[in-house]
Structure formats: C-alpha cells, structure tokens
Amino acid sequence: MASSNPDLEGEAAEAAAVEDEDTGAQIAPIVILSEVAVTTGEEDEDVLLDLKSKLYRFDKEGNLWKERGTGNVKLLKHRETGKVRLVMRQDKTLKICANHLVIPSMKIQEHAGNDKSCVWHAADFADGELKEEMFCLRFGSVGRTSSRWSWASQSLFKRVQQKRARNPQMLLNSCLT
C-alpha cells in the first residue's frame, strides 16, 4: 500500500541519494596477499569417477559408525603406474577423509540391505599413518548416483583383480609399495 504522505516519500528518496553518494575516501588494503600454487597430489591422475557422498568409518572400540566427512569421493588412476586409488576430501575444508589404493582383496558390498550405501575394508592413509579401516559410503539418493558408484566400483575392482591375476608379480609389487 502506497503512502499518501508526500513528506515521507521525499525523505526516503533523499536517504537513498545520500547512500549512493561517493565520499572519495581511498581505502588501502592492510595485508597484500599473493597467489600461491597449491598442489593436491592429484595432478598426475585422471578422474574415473567423482560423486557427492558422506563417508563413515567403523569404530571398533565403541562398536558404532562415526562420520568422517561429506564431500566428493573420487576414483583416480595414475597416468604412469596405472594404480587406482580412492580419495575423498571434506567439502569446505578440503581435508582428506579417505585415501587408499584399490587392490584385488577389496570387496565392496551393499550395507545391510540399504541400496544407498556400501561397505568395504581398506588400508587407509588419510590420517598420515597406514591403518586398516572399515568404511561406509552413503549417497543422497538411490537413483543415478549410487548406481553409478556400484557399477564403476564393481567393474573397477574386477578389472584390477583380473589384471593382477594375470601378472602375479604386479600383485607382489603393489603390496610392497
């Protein structure tokens, strides 16, 4: 509803004009920041899969699942060695939640009949030390995302198993490195 008082309309127009007025003050930055090149360790790798999800790890002492972070889970293949690893970083902080190689002994399974999540064991290096962990990856919807993950991870794990079964020395080398 429009105001019938012309004085109030005039004051509002004057206030808007004062806000837009340039005072001519020069403000210099206190700290000058320079650009820094950041390396993620993913420069020599190709992304095979990149999906948004939530990662949990199983705490054996408390006998419960603990959230590790929400972000994009990636399957990365190294251009030179051909090794594939799973890497997940938290959304805002980009802290690494999961970082481990995809090896033939890994078995990925649906979690307790829930088709939005899957479970596997891996020797993870996300915390700076190598330790055996049980992971659960949960997707937001049952649709395309989880089916793409299931298809990609199952076919990838099978491919790694077949390649290493043909070449036992490759399996030995991957365990030693």
Protein backbone atom coordinates (compact mmCIF):
# COMPACT_ATOMS: atom_id res chain seq x y z
CA MET A 1 0.00 0.00 0.00
CA ALA A 2 1.45 3.35 -1.06
CA SER A 3 1.83 6.16 1.45
CA SER A 4 -0.32 9.21 0.88
CA ASN A 5 2.10 11.47 2.76
CA PRO A 6 4.39 13.27 0.26
CA ASP A 7 6.88 14.28 3.01
CA LEU A 8 7.71 10.62 3.82
CA GLU A 9 8.25 9.79 0.15
CA GLY A 10 10.62 12.73 -0.27
CA GLU A 11 12.65 11.77 2.82
CA ALA A 12 13.04 8.18 1.53
CA ALA A 13 14.31 9.47 -1.83
CA GLU A 14 16.81 11.80 -0.11
CA ALA A 15 18.08 8.94 2.12
CA ALA A 16 18.64 6.73 -0.94
CA ALA A 17 20.55 9.55 -2.68
CA VAL A 18 22.82 10.07 0.36
CA GLU A 19 23.66 6.31 0.48
CA ASP A 20 24.74 6.36 -3.18
CA GLU A 21 26.91 9.46 -2.77
CA ASP A 22 30.66 8.84 -3.24
CA THR A 23 32.75 10.29 -0.41
CA GLY A 24 36.04 10.00 -2.29
CA ALA A 25 37.79 8.19 0.57
CA GLN A 26 40.62 5.89 -0.50
CA ILE A 27 40.99 2.66 1.47
CA ALA A 28 44.25 0.74 1.06
CA PRO A 29 44.47 -2.96 1.93
CA ILE A 30 46.16 -3.74 5.25
CA VAL A 31 47.68 -7.01 4.03
CA ILE A 32 48.62 -7.78 0.45
CA LEU A 33 48.08 -11.42 -0.45
CA SER A 34 49.94 -13.06 -3.27
CA GLU A 35 48.81 -16.09 -5.25
CA VAL A 36 50.25 -19.40 -4.11
CA ALA A 37 50.40 -22.54 -6.24
CA VAL A 38 48.68 -25.38 -4.39
CA THR A 39 49.46 -29.00 -5.20
CA THR A 40 46.88 -31.63 -4.26
CA GLY A 41 48.82 -34.71 -5.31
CA GLU A 42 46.16 -35.41 -7.93
CA GLU A 43 47.95 -33.65 -10.80
CA ASP A 44 49.31 -36.88 -12.36
CA GLU A 45 45.98 -38.72 -12.11
CA ASP A 46 42.85 -38.98 -14.21
CA VAL A 47 39.43 -38.89 -12.54
CA LEU A 48 37.47 -42.07 -13.26
CA LEU A 49 34.53 -41.21 -11.01
CA ASP A 50 33.55 -38.16 -8.94
CA LEU A 51 30.41 -38.38 -6.78
CA LYS A 52 28.98 -36.45 -3.82
CA SER A 53 28.54 -38.62 -0.72
CA LYS A 54 29.02 -38.99 3.02
CA LEU A 55 31.77 -41.22 4.44
CA TYR A 56 31.66 -43.15 7.72
CA ARG A 57 34.27 -45.33 9.42
CA PHE A 58 33.55 -48.11 11.88
CA ASP A 59 34.88 -47.56 15.42
CA LYS A 60 35.67 -51.00 16.85
CA GLU A 61 36.03 -49.73 20.42
CA GLY A 62 32.63 -48.03 20.53
CA ASN A 63 31.05 -50.54 18.14
CA LEU A 64 29.44 -47.76 16.07
CA TRP A 65 29.79 -45.83 12.82
CA LYS A 66 31.44 -42.40 13.03
CA GLU A 67 31.07 -39.77 10.34
CA ARG A 68 34.33 -39.00 8.57
CA GLY A 69 33.03 -36.23 6.32
CA THR A 70 30.81 -35.09 3.47
CA GLY A 71 32.29 -34.35 0.08
CA ASN A 72 33.22 -35.77 -3.31
CA VAL A 73 34.59 -39.28 -3.47
CA LYS A 74 36.94 -39.79 -6.41
CA LEU A 75 38.44 -42.81 -8.07
CA LEU A 76 41.76 -41.64 -9.53
CA LYS A 77 44.01 -43.54 -11.95
CA HIS A 78 47.70 -42.65 -12.08
CA ARG A 79 48.85 -41.90 -15.65
CA GLU A 80 52.24 -43.64 -15.37
CA THR A 81 51.76 -46.55 -12.97
CA GLY A 82 48.09 -47.29 -13.72
CA LYS A 83 47.33 -47.67 -9.99
CA VAL A 84 43.85 -46.63 -8.93
CA ARG A 85 43.12 -45.02 -5.59
CA LEU A 86 40.07 -43.74 -3.77
CA VAL A 87 40.33 -40.18 -2.43
CA MET A 88 37.69 -38.20 -0.60
CA ARG A 89 38.01 -34.64 0.71
CA GLN A 90 35.63 -32.77 3.02
CA ASP A 91 33.56 -30.11 1.26
CA LYS A 92 34.61 -26.86 2.91
CA THR A 93 37.97 -27.63 4.48
CA LEU A 94 39.25 -29.98 1.72
CA LYS A 95 40.76 -32.17 4.45
CA ILE A 96 41.36 -35.73 3.27
CA CYS A 97 38.80 -38.20 4.68
CA ALA A 98 39.90 -41.29 2.76
CA ASN A 99 43.00 -42.11 0.74
CA HIS A 100 43.73 -45.70 -0.22
CA LEU A 101 44.65 -47.88 -3.17
CA VAL A 102 42.10 -50.09 -4.87
CA ILE A 103 43.55 -53.59 -4.53
CA PRO A 104 42.29 -57.06 -5.54
CA SER A 105 41.47 -58.12 -1.98
CA MET A 106 38.90 -55.30 -1.58
CA LYS A 107 35.30 -56.46 -1.59
CA ILE A 108 32.60 -53.82 -1.85
CA GLN A 109 29.16 -54.79 -0.52
CA GLU A 110 25.76 -53.23 -0.02
CA HIS A 111 25.35 -52.14 3.61
CA ALA A 112 22.69 -54.18 5.46
CA GLY A 113 20.16 -54.15 2.64
CA ASN A 114 20.40 -50.37 2.16
CA ASP A 115 20.88 -49.62 -1.53
CA LYS A 116 22.02 -46.04 -0.79
CA SER A 117 25.21 -47.17 0.96
CA CYS A 118 28.09 -49.61 0.53
CA VAL A 119 30.79 -51.03 2.82
CA TRP A 120 34.41 -52.17 2.33
CA HIS A 121 37.71 -52.70 4.19
CA ALA A 122 40.90 -50.90 3.22
CA ALA A 123 44.33 -49.94 4.49
CA ASP A 124 43.83 -46.17 4.66
CA PHE A 125 46.40 -43.37 4.83
CA ALA A 126 44.12 -40.35 5.40
CA ASP A 127 45.41 -39.62 8.92
CA GLY A 128 49.08 -39.83 7.92
CA GLU A 129 49.58 -43.41 9.06
CA LEU A 130 48.59 -46.66 7.39
CA LYS A 131 45.82 -48.46 9.28
CA GLU A 132 43.09 -50.96 8.46
CA GLU A 133 39.64 -49.34 8.43
CA MET A 134 36.10 -50.36 7.57
CA PHE A 135 34.31 -47.70 5.53
CA CYS A 136 30.72 -46.97 4.61
CA LEU A 137 29.86 -44.60 1.78
CA ARG A 138 26.31 -43.20 1.72
CA PHE A 139 24.71 -41.39 -1.19
CA GLY A 140 21.84 -38.92 -1.02
CA SER A 141 19.54 -40.78 -3.35
CA VAL A 142 19.05 -44.30 -4.60
CA GLY A 143 18.88 -43.12 -8.19
CA ARG A 144 21.68 -42.45 -10.60
CA THR A 145 24.42 -41.63 -8.08
CA SER A 146 24.52 -44.88 -6.13
CA SER A 147 24.01 -46.99 -9.24
CA ARG A 148 26.92 -45.19 -10.97
CA TRP A 149 29.11 -45.84 -7.91
CA SER A 150 28.13 -49.52 -7.75
CA TRP A 151 28.73 -50.04 -11.44
CA ALA A 152 32.05 -48.15 -11.51
CA SER A 153 33.48 -49.62 -8.32
CA GLN A 154 32.46 -53.20 -9.10
CA SER A 155 33.79 -53.06 -12.66
CA LEU A 156 36.96 -51.32 -11.48
CA PHE A 157 37.62 -53.82 -8.69
CA LYS A 158 37.05 -56.71 -11.13
CA ARG A 159 39.40 -55.14 -13.68
CA VAL A 160 42.13 -54.70 -11.04
CA GLN A 161 41.67 -58.28 -9.87
CA GLN A 162 41.84 -59.67 -13.42
CA LYS A 163 44.92 -57.62 -14.31
CA ARG A 164 46.78 -58.68 -11.18
CA ALA A 165 45.69 -62.32 -11.56
CA ARG A 166 47.33 -62.36 -15.00
CA ASN A 167 50.51 -60.89 -13.58
CA PRO A 168 51.34 -62.20 -10.04
CA GLN A 169 54.47 -60.03 -9.91
CA MET A 170 52.24 -56.92 -10.19
CA LEU A 171 50.31 -58.08 -7.12
CA LEU A 172 53.54 -58.58 -5.18
CA ASN A 173 54.83 -55.14 -6.24
CA SER A 174 51.60 -53.38 -5.22
CA CYS A 175 51.81 -54.97 -1.77
CA LEU A 176 55.43 -53.90 -1.33
CA THR A 177 54.93 -50.26 -2.40
